[in-house]
Structures are given as structure tokens and as C-alpha cells.
Protein backbone atom coordinates (compact mmCIF):
# COMPACT_ATOMS: atom_id res chain seq x y z
CA MET A 1 -0.11 0.14 0.04
CA SER A 2 1.70 3.22 -1.45
CA HIS A 3 0.65 6.52 0.56
CA GLN A 4 1.16 9.38 -1.27
CA THR A 5 1.67 13.01 0.88
CA SER A 6 1.20 16.45 -0.52
CA HIS A 7 4.45 18.77 -0.21
CA GLN A 8 3.49 22.36 -0.33
CA ARG A 9 6.84 24.51 -1.25
CA VAL A 10 7.42 27.56 0.90
CA LEU A 11 8.90 30.58 -0.82
CA ARG A 12 10.80 33.28 1.25
CA LYS A 13 10.31 36.59 0.36
CA ARG A 14 13.28 37.63 -1.72
CA GLU A 15 11.93 34.47 -4.17
CA VAL A 16 8.24 36.16 -4.07
CA ILE A 17 9.81 39.04 -4.88
CA GLU A 18 11.25 38.05 -7.88
CA ARG A 19 8.32 36.24 -8.47
CA VAL A 20 5.83 38.59 -8.62
CA GLY A 21 8.09 41.46 -9.40
CA ILE A 22 6.62 44.24 -6.96
CA SER A 23 9.19 45.47 -3.86
CA GLY A 24 8.94 44.07 -0.19
CA ALA A 25 6.36 47.60 0.61
CA GLN A 26 4.62 46.64 -1.15
CA ILE A 27 4.00 42.98 -0.64
CA TYR A 28 3.56 44.41 3.19
CA LYS A 29 0.96 47.06 2.14
CA LEU A 30 -1.08 44.94 -0.39
CA MET A 31 -1.24 42.46 2.56
CA GLY A 32 -2.42 45.11 4.72
CA MET A 33 -5.32 45.72 1.78
CA ASN A 34 -6.32 41.72 1.99
CA ASP A 35 -5.26 42.08 -1.42
CA PHE A 36 -1.71 39.93 -1.07
CA PRO A 37 -1.59 35.98 0.81
CA LYS A 38 -0.52 36.14 4.09
CA GLN A 39 2.60 35.13 5.09
CA ILE A 40 3.43 32.23 7.29
CA GLN A 41 5.92 32.05 10.89
CA LEU A 42 8.21 29.68 9.65
CA SER A 43 10.39 30.17 13.32
CA GLU A 44 10.48 33.14 15.65
CA ARG A 45 12.57 35.65 12.71
CA ALA A 46 11.36 33.78 9.28
CA VAL A 47 8.66 33.99 7.94
CA GLY A 48 7.46 32.94 4.21
CA TRP A 49 4.97 32.36 1.90
CA ARG A 50 2.99 29.25 0.03
CA GLU A 51 3.85 28.67 -2.79
CA ALA A 52 0.73 27.68 -4.14
CA ASP A 53 -0.92 31.00 -2.54
CA ILE A 54 1.59 33.14 -4.65
CA ASP A 55 0.81 31.28 -7.97
CA ARG A 56 -2.69 32.05 -7.37
CA TRP A 57 -2.39 35.46 -6.47
CA ILE A 58 -0.47 36.03 -9.91
CA LYS A 59 -2.84 34.17 -11.67
CA SER A 60 -5.71 36.06 -10.77
CA ARG A 61 -3.87 39.70 -11.27
CA ARG A 62 -3.29 37.99 -14.54
CA LEU A 63 -6.98 37.54 -15.04
CA VAL A 64 -7.51 40.91 -13.82
CA GLY A 65 -5.35 43.07 -16.87
CA GLN A 66 -6.88 40.65 -19.56
CA HIS A 67 -10.04 43.16 -18.64
CA SER A 68 -8.00 46.07 -19.12
CA ASP A 69 -6.00 45.63 -21.77
CA PRO A 70 -5.95 48.75 -24.51
CA GLU A 71 -7.51 48.86 -27.40
CA PRO A 72 -4.96 48.32 -30.41
CA VAL A 73 -3.25 51.37 -31.90
CA GLU A 74 -2.63 51.37 -35.56
CA PRO A 75 0.72 52.54 -36.19
CA LEU A 76 1.19 56.34 -37.32
CA ALA A 77 2.83 56.22 -41.49
CA PRO A 78 5.73 58.05 -41.59
CA GLY A 79 6.39 61.78 -41.48
CA GLU A 80 2.55 61.72 -39.62
CA VAL A 81 2.06 63.24 -36.25
């Protein structure tokens, strides 16, 4: 009988910043506005974020962006202003 466990990866702050492309200060601001996943306490002085939570947040931001894409603009012909 095999026993399968699910393994959740935890991302540290530097990895989260690299993945989402915003600053640490902006992450904490969004967390305060309940618009970013909450961190989890790893030890007395260490925190992290569940990778699955960050991935879901990124996906949700892409969906928001899909609705606000600007209309395509025709390029100007040479000499037009």
C-alpha cells in the first residue's frame, strides 16, 4: 500500500519579490489591504509564503489585466504626427 503526501513549497521573501515583480514594501502594503496572500511564520525570525498561494495570486492578477488591456493602436505612417 503506497502512501502519497502532498508537499507544499514555501517561498522566502526574496523569491516572492522575484516571482511577482513588486517590492517588499508593496507586498506588505497589499497584505494590509487583504490583496496579497498572508505570510506564514516559519520560526521566531523567519516568514515565508506558500508557493500555491503566490501562484494563485499571480494567476488572479493576469485575469484582472486581461480585462483592462488597451485597444490596439494603428501605427503612424512616416511623417504623420
